[in-house]
Amino acid sequence: MTTAEVFQHACQLGFQLEPRPGGKLAVIPGDNVPPDLVDVLKAHKAELLDWLNRSPCPGWGAVPPVDLALVTVRPHPTPQDRERVLAYLLRQTEDRPGPLAAWLVRRENDYYQGPGAKWDCGLICYAAARDAASWQLNCNECELLGFFQATEEVASRLDHRRRG
């Protein structure tokens, strides 16, 4: 189970999870927590606390800081993941000049002159878009790709229902 799935499972059972000082995880209400949920929460406590203590994401259209560290490891996205991430940023910029588009161009240039010097231009574009989206949504690349895939699946199901 992912951290988000553990959190969602607890919520579906009627429990609220909150971080507390001293590295503690509060389960509200605290009485009658099923033993299997207690085991899952114990197994995922560190990840849950990290996830619950994250600052809220800056969100759509927010421009990442200029000094955001470059990821030096060459990315290996699938063609679908590359397309999803690039489309997410293109929707935000509306393919027009602006602060976010300028940040992306600078970021691509930084990759080209740095760790991405031997990457193809598609990977450089992906890396810049991935960095912006990950920063905006306050998640890592794996979480980002999972989010986009799940969003696409939900949209597909909704479209199928409308047609059916």
N, C-alpha and C. Protein backbone atom coordinates (compact mmCIF):
# COMPACT_ATOMS: atom_id res chain seq x y z
N MET A 1 0.84 -1.19 0.00
CA MET A 1 0.00 0.00 0.00
C MET A 1 0.88 1.25 0.00
N THR A 2 0.47 2.22 -0.80
CA THR A 2 1.19 3.49 -0.76
C THR A 2 0.72 4.29 0.45
N THR A 3 1.43 5.33 0.75
CA THR A 3 1.07 6.18 1.88
C THR A 3 -0.32 6.77 1.68
N ALA A 4 -0.59 7.25 0.48
CA ALA A 4 -1.90 7.83 0.20
C ALA A 4 -3.00 6.78 0.35
N GLU A 5 -2.74 5.54 -0.05
CA GLU A 5 -3.73 4.47 0.08
C GLU A 5 -3.99 4.14 1.55
N VAL A 6 -2.94 4.13 2.36
CA VAL A 6 -3.11 3.89 3.80
C VAL A 6 -3.96 4.99 4.41
N PHE A 7 -3.66 6.23 4.07
CA PHE A 7 -4.42 7.37 4.57
C PHE A 7 -5.88 7.26 4.14
N GLN A 8 -6.10 6.97 2.87
CA GLN A 8 -7.46 6.86 2.35
C GLN A 8 -8.21 5.72 3.03
N HIS A 9 -7.55 4.59 3.23
CA HIS A 9 -8.17 3.44 3.90
C HIS A 9 -8.61 3.82 5.32
N ALA A 10 -7.75 4.51 6.05
CA ALA A 10 -8.10 4.95 7.41
C ALA A 10 -9.31 5.89 7.37
N CYS A 11 -9.33 6.80 6.41
CA CYS A 11 -10.46 7.73 6.28
C CYS A 11 -11.75 6.99 5.95
N GLN A 12 -11.67 6.00 5.07
CA GLN A 12 -12.85 5.22 4.70
C GLN A 12 -13.42 4.46 5.90
N LEU A 13 -12.55 4.10 6.83
CA LEU A 13 -12.99 3.42 8.05
C LEU A 13 -13.48 4.41 9.11
N GLY A 14 -13.41 5.70 8.81
CA GLY A 14 -13.91 6.72 9.74
C GLY A 14 -12.87 7.29 10.69
N PHE A 15 -11.60 7.10 10.37
CA PHE A 15 -10.53 7.61 11.23
C PHE A 15 -9.80 8.76 10.57
N GLN A 16 -9.36 9.69 11.40
CA GLN A 16 -8.56 10.81 10.93
C GLN A 16 -7.15 10.62 11.46
N LEU A 17 -6.14 10.89 10.62
CA LEU A 17 -4.75 10.76 11.02
C LEU A 17 -4.12 12.13 11.11
N GLU A 18 -3.40 12.38 12.20
CA GLU A 18 -2.74 13.68 12.38
C GLU A 18 -1.36 13.47 12.98
N PRO A 19 -0.37 14.25 12.49
CA PRO A 19 0.95 14.18 13.11
C PRO A 19 0.93 14.93 14.44
N ARG A 20 1.68 14.43 15.40
CA ARG A 20 1.79 15.07 16.71
C ARG A 20 3.27 15.24 17.05
N PRO A 21 3.59 16.19 17.94
CA PRO A 21 4.99 16.39 18.33
C PRO A 21 5.62 15.10 18.84
N GLY A 22 6.92 15.01 18.66
CA GLY A 22 7.66 13.86 19.14
C GLY A 22 7.57 12.65 18.22
N GLY A 23 7.21 12.88 16.96
CA GLY A 23 7.15 11.78 16.02
C GLY A 23 5.99 10.83 16.25
N LYS A 24 4.90 11.36 16.80
CA LYS A 24 3.74 10.52 17.09
C LYS A 24 2.67 10.71 16.02
N LEU A 25 1.89 9.66 15.81
CA LEU A 25 0.79 9.68 14.86
C LEU A 25 -0.50 9.49 15.64
N ALA A 26 -1.38 10.50 15.58
CA ALA A 26 -2.65 10.41 16.28
C ALA A 26 -3.70 9.81 15.35
N VAL A 27 -4.49 8.89 15.89
CA VAL A 27 -5.62 8.31 15.19
C VAL A 27 -6.86 8.77 15.92
N ILE A 28 -7.75 9.47 15.20
CA ILE A 28 -8.93 10.07 15.83
C ILE A 28 -10.18 9.49 15.17
N PRO A 29 -11.14 8.98 15.90
CA PRO A 29 -11.09 8.71 17.33
C PRO A 29 -10.15 7.53 17.61
N GLY A 30 -9.54 7.58 18.77
CA GLY A 30 -8.50 6.62 19.11
C GLY A 30 -9.01 5.30 19.66
N ASP A 31 -10.28 5.24 19.98
CA ASP A 31 -10.79 3.98 20.53
C ASP A 31 -11.37 3.12 19.40
N ASN A 32 -11.31 1.83 19.60
CA ASN A 32 -11.86 0.85 18.65
C ASN A 32 -11.20 0.86 17.28
N VAL A 33 -9.89 1.12 17.24
CA VAL A 33 -9.16 1.03 15.97
C VAL A 33 -8.94 -0.46 15.70
N PRO A 34 -9.39 -0.94 14.54
CA PRO A 34 -9.22 -2.37 14.25
C PRO A 34 -7.75 -2.78 14.28
N PRO A 35 -7.47 -3.95 14.82
CA PRO A 35 -6.08 -4.42 14.93
C PRO A 35 -5.34 -4.45 13.59
N ASP A 36 -6.04 -4.80 12.49
CA ASP A 36 -5.35 -4.84 11.20
C ASP A 36 -4.95 -3.44 10.75
N LEU A 37 -5.77 -2.43 11.09
CA LEU A 37 -5.41 -1.05 10.78
C LEU A 37 -4.24 -0.59 11.63
N VAL A 38 -4.22 -0.98 12.89
CA VAL A 38 -3.10 -0.64 13.78
C VAL A 38 -1.80 -1.18 13.19
N ASP A 39 -1.83 -2.41 12.72
CA ASP A 39 -0.64 -3.02 12.12
C ASP A 39 -0.18 -2.25 10.88
N VAL A 40 -1.12 -1.88 10.02
CA VAL A 40 -0.79 -1.13 8.80
C VAL A 40 -0.22 0.24 9.16
N LEU A 41 -0.84 0.91 10.13
CA LEU A 41 -0.35 2.24 10.54
C LEU A 41 1.05 2.15 11.14
N LYS A 42 1.29 1.14 11.93
CA LYS A 42 2.63 0.95 12.50
C LYS A 42 3.66 0.71 11.40
N ALA A 43 3.29 -0.11 10.43
CA ALA A 43 4.22 -0.44 9.34
C ALA A 43 4.53 0.77 8.47
N HIS A 44 3.60 1.72 8.38
CA HIS A 44 3.76 2.88 7.50
C HIS A 44 3.90 4.19 8.27
N LYS A 45 4.16 4.11 9.56
CA LYS A 45 4.17 5.31 10.40
C LYS A 45 5.14 6.37 9.90
N ALA A 46 6.37 6.00 9.61
CA ALA A 46 7.37 6.99 9.19
C ALA A 46 6.94 7.69 7.90
N GLU A 47 6.46 6.91 6.93
CA GLU A 47 6.01 7.49 5.66
C GLU A 47 4.80 8.38 5.85
N LEU A 48 3.86 7.94 6.71
CA LEU A 48 2.66 8.74 6.98
C LEU A 48 3.03 10.07 7.63
N LEU A 49 3.93 10.04 8.61
CA LEU A 49 4.33 11.28 9.27
C LEU A 49 5.02 12.22 8.29
N ASP A 50 5.88 11.68 7.45
CA ASP A 50 6.54 12.50 6.43
C ASP A 50 5.51 13.12 5.50
N TRP A 51 4.57 12.31 5.05
CA TRP A 51 3.53 12.76 4.11
C TRP A 51 2.62 13.80 4.75
N LEU A 52 2.21 13.57 5.99
CA LEU A 52 1.31 14.49 6.68
C LEU A 52 1.99 15.81 7.05
N ASN A 53 3.30 15.78 7.22
CA ASN A 53 4.04 16.99 7.61
C ASN A 53 4.53 17.82 6.43
N ARG A 54 4.31 17.35 5.23
CA ARG A 54 4.72 18.12 4.05
C ARG A 54 3.95 19.43 4.00
N SER A 55 4.64 20.45 3.51
CA SER A 55 3.94 21.72 3.34
C SER A 55 2.99 21.59 2.16
N PRO A 56 1.92 22.37 2.17
CA PRO A 56 0.97 22.27 1.06
C PRO A 56 1.65 22.60 -0.26
N CYS A 57 1.16 21.99 -1.32
CA CYS A 57 1.79 22.22 -2.62
C CYS A 57 1.47 23.62 -3.14
N PRO A 58 2.43 24.23 -3.84
CA PRO A 58 2.22 25.57 -4.39
C PRO A 58 1.12 25.60 -5.44
N GLY A 59 0.99 24.52 -6.22
CA GLY A 59 -0.13 24.39 -7.13
C GLY A 59 0.04 24.91 -8.53
N TRP A 60 -1.04 24.86 -9.25
CA TRP A 60 -1.16 25.20 -10.66
C TRP A 60 -0.63 26.59 -10.95
N GLY A 61 0.23 26.69 -11.93
CA GLY A 61 0.73 27.98 -12.39
C GLY A 61 1.85 28.58 -11.56
N ALA A 62 2.15 27.97 -10.40
CA ALA A 62 3.22 28.51 -9.55
C ALA A 62 4.57 28.29 -10.22
N VAL A 63 5.45 29.27 -10.08
CA VAL A 63 6.77 29.21 -10.69
C VAL A 63 7.78 28.74 -9.65
N PRO A 64 8.48 27.64 -9.93
CA PRO A 64 9.47 27.13 -8.98
C PRO A 64 10.61 28.13 -8.76
N PRO A 65 11.34 27.97 -7.66
CA PRO A 65 12.46 28.87 -7.41
C PRO A 65 13.59 28.66 -8.42
N VAL A 66 14.31 29.72 -8.69
CA VAL A 66 15.42 29.68 -9.66
C VAL A 66 16.50 28.70 -9.21
N ASP A 67 16.70 28.58 -7.91
CA ASP A 67 17.79 27.75 -7.40
C ASP A 67 17.37 26.31 -7.10
N LEU A 68 16.24 25.86 -7.64
CA LEU A 68 15.82 24.47 -7.45
C LEU A 68 16.90 23.55 -8.03
N ALA A 69 17.35 22.61 -7.25
CA ALA A 69 18.46 21.73 -7.67
C ALA A 69 18.08 20.90 -8.89
N LEU A 70 19.04 20.75 -9.80
CA LEU A 70 18.87 19.89 -10.96
C LEU A 70 18.99 18.43 -10.52
N VAL A 71 18.26 17.56 -11.18
CA VAL A 71 18.36 16.13 -10.94
C VAL A 71 19.41 15.60 -11.92
N THR A 72 20.49 15.08 -11.41
CA THR A 72 21.60 14.70 -12.28
C THR A 72 21.44 13.33 -12.92
N VAL A 73 20.50 12.53 -12.42
CA VAL A 73 20.27 11.19 -12.98
C VAL A 73 19.40 11.31 -14.23
N ARG A 74 19.85 10.66 -15.30
CA ARG A 74 19.10 10.69 -16.56
C ARG A 74 17.71 10.07 -16.35
N PRO A 75 16.65 10.77 -16.75
CA PRO A 75 15.31 10.21 -16.59
C PRO A 75 15.02 9.15 -17.64
N HIS A 76 14.11 8.25 -17.33
CA HIS A 76 13.71 7.18 -18.26
C HIS A 76 12.19 7.06 -18.29
N PRO A 77 11.50 8.13 -18.68
CA PRO A 77 10.04 8.04 -18.70
C PRO A 77 9.54 7.20 -19.88
N THR A 78 8.38 6.61 -19.70
CA THR A 78 7.74 5.96 -20.84
C THR A 78 7.24 7.07 -21.76
N PRO A 79 6.97 6.77 -23.01
CA PRO A 79 6.41 7.81 -23.89
C PRO A 79 5.12 8.42 -23.33
N GLN A 80 4.27 7.57 -22.71
CA GLN A 80 3.03 8.09 -22.13
C GLN A 80 3.31 9.04 -20.97
N ASP A 81 4.24 8.67 -20.10
CA ASP A 81 4.57 9.54 -18.96
C ASP A 81 5.17 10.86 -19.43
N ARG A 82 6.04 10.79 -20.43
CA ARG A 82 6.63 12.01 -20.98
C ARG A 82 5.52 12.93 -21.49
N GLU A 83 4.60 12.35 -22.22
CA GLU A 83 3.49 13.14 -22.79
C GLU A 83 2.61 13.73 -21.70
N ARG A 84 2.31 12.95 -20.66
CA ARG A 84 1.46 13.43 -19.57
C ARG A 84 2.08 14.64 -18.86
N VAL A 85 3.37 14.53 -18.55
CA VAL A 85 4.04 15.61 -17.81
C VAL A 85 4.14 16.87 -18.68
N LEU A 86 4.55 16.69 -19.93
CA LEU A 86 4.67 17.86 -20.81
C LEU A 86 3.30 18.51 -21.04
N ALA A 87 2.26 17.71 -21.21
CA ALA A 87 0.92 18.25 -21.44
C ALA A 87 0.44 19.05 -20.22
N TYR A 88 0.77 18.57 -19.04
CA TYR A 88 0.38 19.27 -17.80
C TYR A 88 0.98 20.68 -17.78
N LEU A 89 2.24 20.80 -18.14
CA LEU A 89 2.88 22.13 -18.14
C LEU A 89 2.41 22.97 -19.31
N LEU A 90 2.18 22.37 -20.47
CA LEU A 90 1.68 23.13 -21.61
C LEU A 90 0.30 23.72 -21.33
N ARG A 91 -0.55 22.96 -20.62
CA ARG A 91 -1.87 23.50 -20.26
C ARG A 91 -1.72 24.72 -19.35
N GLN A 92 -0.72 24.72 -18.50
CA GLN A 92 -0.53 25.85 -17.59
C GLN A 92 -0.01 27.09 -18.31
N THR A 93 0.88 26.88 -19.25
CA THR A 93 1.47 28.04 -19.94
C THR A 93 0.63 28.48 -21.12
N GLU A 94 -0.31 27.62 -21.54
CA GLU A 94 -1.13 27.88 -22.72
C GLU A 94 -0.25 28.18 -23.94
N ASP A 95 0.96 27.61 -23.91
CA ASP A 95 1.92 27.77 -25.00
C ASP A 95 2.19 29.24 -25.31
N ARG A 96 2.21 30.06 -24.25
CA ARG A 96 2.46 31.50 -24.39
C ARG A 96 3.59 31.91 -23.45
N PRO A 97 4.24 33.03 -23.78
CA PRO A 97 5.29 33.52 -22.88
C PRO A 97 4.70 33.91 -21.52
N GLY A 98 5.50 33.78 -20.51
CA GLY A 98 5.10 34.14 -19.16
C GLY A 98 6.15 33.65 -18.20
N PRO A 99 5.98 33.91 -16.91
CA PRO A 99 7.00 33.52 -15.93
C PRO A 99 7.27 32.03 -15.87
N LEU A 100 6.23 31.19 -15.95
CA LEU A 100 6.45 29.75 -15.90
C LEU A 100 7.14 29.26 -17.16
N ALA A 101 6.72 29.75 -18.33
CA ALA A 101 7.37 29.36 -19.59
C ALA A 101 8.84 29.79 -19.57
N ALA A 102 9.12 30.98 -19.07
CA ALA A 102 10.51 31.46 -18.99
C ALA A 102 11.32 30.56 -18.05
N TRP A 103 10.72 30.15 -16.94
CA TRP A 103 11.42 29.27 -16.00
C TRP A 103 11.76 27.95 -16.69
N LEU A 104 10.80 27.41 -17.45
CA LEU A 104 11.02 26.14 -18.14
C LEU A 104 12.14 26.24 -19.17
N VAL A 105 12.19 27.34 -19.90
CA VAL A 105 13.25 27.53 -20.90
C VAL A 105 14.61 27.62 -20.20
N ARG A 106 14.68 28.38 -19.09
CA ARG A 106 15.94 28.47 -18.33
C ARG A 106 16.34 27.10 -17.80
N ARG A 107 15.35 26.36 -17.33
CA ARG A 107 15.63 25.04 -16.77
C ARG A 107 16.15 24.08 -17.84
N GLU A 108 15.54 24.12 -19.02
CA GLU A 108 16.02 23.28 -20.12
C GLU A 108 17.46 23.65 -20.46
N ASN A 109 17.77 24.93 -20.49
CA ASN A 109 19.12 25.38 -20.78
C ASN A 109 20.10 24.91 -19.71
N ASP A 110 19.68 24.97 -18.44
CA ASP A 110 20.53 24.50 -17.34
C ASP A 110 20.84 23.01 -17.49
N TYR A 111 19.82 22.22 -17.88
CA TYR A 111 20.07 20.80 -18.10
C TYR A 111 21.01 20.59 -19.30
N TYR A 112 20.76 21.34 -20.37
CA TYR A 112 21.58 21.21 -21.58
C TYR A 112 23.06 21.52 -21.29
N GLN A 113 23.29 22.53 -20.48
CA GLN A 113 24.66 22.92 -20.15
C GLN A 113 25.24 22.12 -18.98
N GLY A 114 24.42 21.32 -18.34
CA GLY A 114 24.88 20.57 -17.17
C GLY A 114 24.71 19.07 -17.35
N PRO A 115 23.95 18.45 -16.44
CA PRO A 115 23.88 16.98 -16.45
C PRO A 115 23.21 16.38 -17.68
N GLY A 116 22.43 17.17 -18.42
CA GLY A 116 21.73 16.65 -19.58
C GLY A 116 22.45 16.88 -20.90
N ALA A 117 23.72 17.25 -20.85
CA ALA A 117 24.46 17.58 -22.07
C ALA A 117 24.43 16.46 -23.11
N LYS A 118 24.31 15.21 -22.68
CA LYS A 118 24.30 14.09 -23.63
C LYS A 118 22.91 13.48 -23.78
N TRP A 119 21.88 14.13 -23.24
CA TRP A 119 20.52 13.63 -23.37
C TRP A 119 19.91 14.19 -24.64
N ASP A 120 18.90 13.49 -25.17
CA ASP A 120 18.18 14.07 -26.32
C ASP A 120 17.27 15.20 -25.82
N CYS A 121 16.84 16.03 -26.75
CA CYS A 121 16.08 17.22 -26.35
C CYS A 121 14.76 16.85 -25.69
N GLY A 122 14.18 15.71 -26.04
CA GLY A 122 12.94 15.28 -25.40
C GLY A 122 13.12 15.01 -23.91
N LEU A 123 14.26 14.40 -23.54
CA LEU A 123 14.53 14.15 -22.12
C LEU A 123 14.80 15.45 -21.37
N ILE A 124 15.45 16.39 -22.02
CA ILE A 124 15.71 17.68 -21.39
C ILE A 124 14.39 18.40 -21.12
N CYS A 125 13.50 18.40 -22.11
CA CYS A 125 12.18 19.03 -21.93
C CYS A 125 11.41 18.32 -20.81
N TYR A 126 11.45 16.99 -20.84
CA TYR A 126 10.76 16.22 -19.80
C TYR A 126 11.31 16.56 -18.42
N ALA A 127 12.63 16.57 -18.28
CA ALA A 127 13.24 16.83 -16.97
C ALA A 127 12.82 18.19 -16.43
N ALA A 128 12.81 19.21 -17.28
CA ALA A 128 12.39 20.54 -16.83
C ALA A 128 10.93 20.54 -16.40
N ALA A 129 10.07 19.92 -17.22
CA ALA A 129 8.64 19.86 -16.90
C ALA A 129 8.39 19.03 -15.64
N ARG A 130 9.11 17.90 -15.52
CA ARG A 130 8.99 17.06 -14.33
C ARG A 130 9.37 17.83 -13.07
N ASP A 131 10.46 18.59 -13.16
CA ASP A 131 10.91 19.36 -11.99
C ASP A 131 9.85 20.39 -11.57
N ALA A 132 9.28 21.07 -12.55
CA ALA A 132 8.26 22.08 -12.24
C ALA A 132 7.02 21.43 -11.64
N ALA A 133 6.53 20.36 -12.27
CA ALA A 133 5.32 19.70 -11.80
C ALA A 133 5.54 19.07 -10.42
N SER A 134 6.69 18.44 -10.21
CA SER A 134 6.99 17.84 -8.90
C SER A 134 7.03 18.91 -7.82
N TRP A 135 7.62 20.06 -8.13
CA TRP A 135 7.68 21.14 -7.16
C TRP A 135 6.27 21.69 -6.90
N GLN A 136 5.51 21.91 -7.96
CA GLN A 136 4.15 22.46 -7.80
C GLN A 136 3.26 21.55 -6.96
N LEU A 137 3.39 20.25 -7.15
CA LEU A 137 2.53 19.29 -6.47
C LEU A 137 3.17 18.68 -5.22
N ASN A 138 4.39 19.14 -4.91
CA ASN A 138 5.11 18.71 -3.70
C ASN A 138 5.20 17.19 -3.63
N CYS A 139 5.71 16.57 -4.71
CA CYS A 139 5.84 15.12 -4.73
C CYS A 139 7.07 14.73 -5.54
N ASN A 140 7.47 13.48 -5.42
CA ASN A 140 8.60 13.02 -6.21
C ASN A 140 8.12 12.53 -7.58
N GLU A 141 9.04 12.15 -8.43
CA GLU A 141 8.69 11.76 -9.79
C GLU A 141 7.75 10.56 -9.82
N CYS A 142 8.01 9.58 -8.99
CA CYS A 142 7.18 8.38 -8.97
C CYS A 142 5.74 8.74 -8.57
N GLU A 143 5.59 9.55 -7.54
CA GLU A 143 4.26 9.99 -7.11
C GLU A 143 3.58 10.81 -8.21
N LEU A 144 4.35 11.66 -8.86
CA LEU A 144 3.83 12.51 -9.93
C LEU A 144 3.27 11.66 -11.07
N LEU A 145 4.05 10.69 -11.51
CA LEU A 145 3.61 9.84 -12.61
C LEU A 145 2.40 9.00 -12.22
N GLY A 146 2.37 8.52 -10.99
CA GLY A 146 1.21 7.78 -10.50
C GLY A 146 -0.04 8.65 -10.47
N PHE A 147 0.13 9.89 -10.04
CA PHE A 147 -0.99 10.83 -9.99
C PHE A 147 -1.55 11.09 -11.39
N PHE A 148 -0.66 11.34 -12.35
CA PHE A 148 -1.12 11.60 -13.72
C PHE A 148 -1.79 10.37 -14.33
N GLN A 149 -1.25 9.19 -14.07
CA GLN A 149 -1.85 7.98 -14.62
C GLN A 149 -3.23 7.76 -14.01
N ALA A 150 -3.35 7.93 -12.69
CA ALA A 150 -4.65 7.75 -12.04
C ALA A 150 -5.66 8.77 -12.53
N THR A 151 -5.23 10.01 -12.71
CA THR A 151 -6.11 11.05 -13.21
C THR A 151 -6.62 10.70 -14.60
N GLU A 152 -5.73 10.22 -15.44
CA GLU A 152 -6.11 9.82 -16.79
C GLU A 152 -7.11 8.67 -16.78
N GLU A 153 -6.90 7.70 -15.88
CA GLU A 153 -7.81 6.56 -15.78
C GLU A 153 -9.20 7.00 -15.33
N VAL A 154 -9.26 7.90 -14.36
CA VAL A 154 -10.55 8.42 -13.89
C VAL A 154 -11.26 9.17 -15.01
N ALA A 155 -10.53 10.02 -15.72
CA ALA A 155 -11.12 10.77 -16.83
C ALA A 155 -11.65 9.82 -17.90
N SER A 156 -10.91 8.75 -18.17
CA SER A 156 -11.34 7.78 -19.17
C SER A 156 -12.62 7.08 -18.73
N ARG A 157 -12.69 6.70 -17.44
CA ARG A 157 -13.91 6.05 -16.92
C ARG A 157 -15.11 6.99 -17.00
N LEU A 158 -14.90 8.25 -16.65
CA LEU A 158 -15.99 9.24 -16.71
C LEU A 158 -16.46 9.43 -18.15
N ASP A 159 -15.52 9.49 -19.08
CA ASP A 159 -15.86 9.64 -20.48
C ASP A 159 -16.64 8.42 -20.97
N HIS A 160 -16.21 7.24 -20.54
CA HIS A 160 -16.89 6.00 -20.92
C HIS A 160 -18.33 5.99 -20.39
N ARG A 161 -18.53 6.46 -19.17
CA ARG A 161 -19.88 6.52 -18.58
C ARG A 161 -20.77 7.48 -19.34
N ARG A 162 -20.22 8.62 -19.73
CA ARG A 162 -21.00 9.61 -20.47
C ARG A 162 -21.45 9.05 -21.82
N ARG A 163 -20.59 8.28 -22.44
CA ARG A 163 -20.91 7.71 -23.76
C ARG A 163 -21.83 6.50 -23.64
N GLY A 164 -21.72 5.77 -22.50
CA GLY A 164 -22.46 4.52 -22.32
C GLY A 164 -23.84 4.74 -21.91
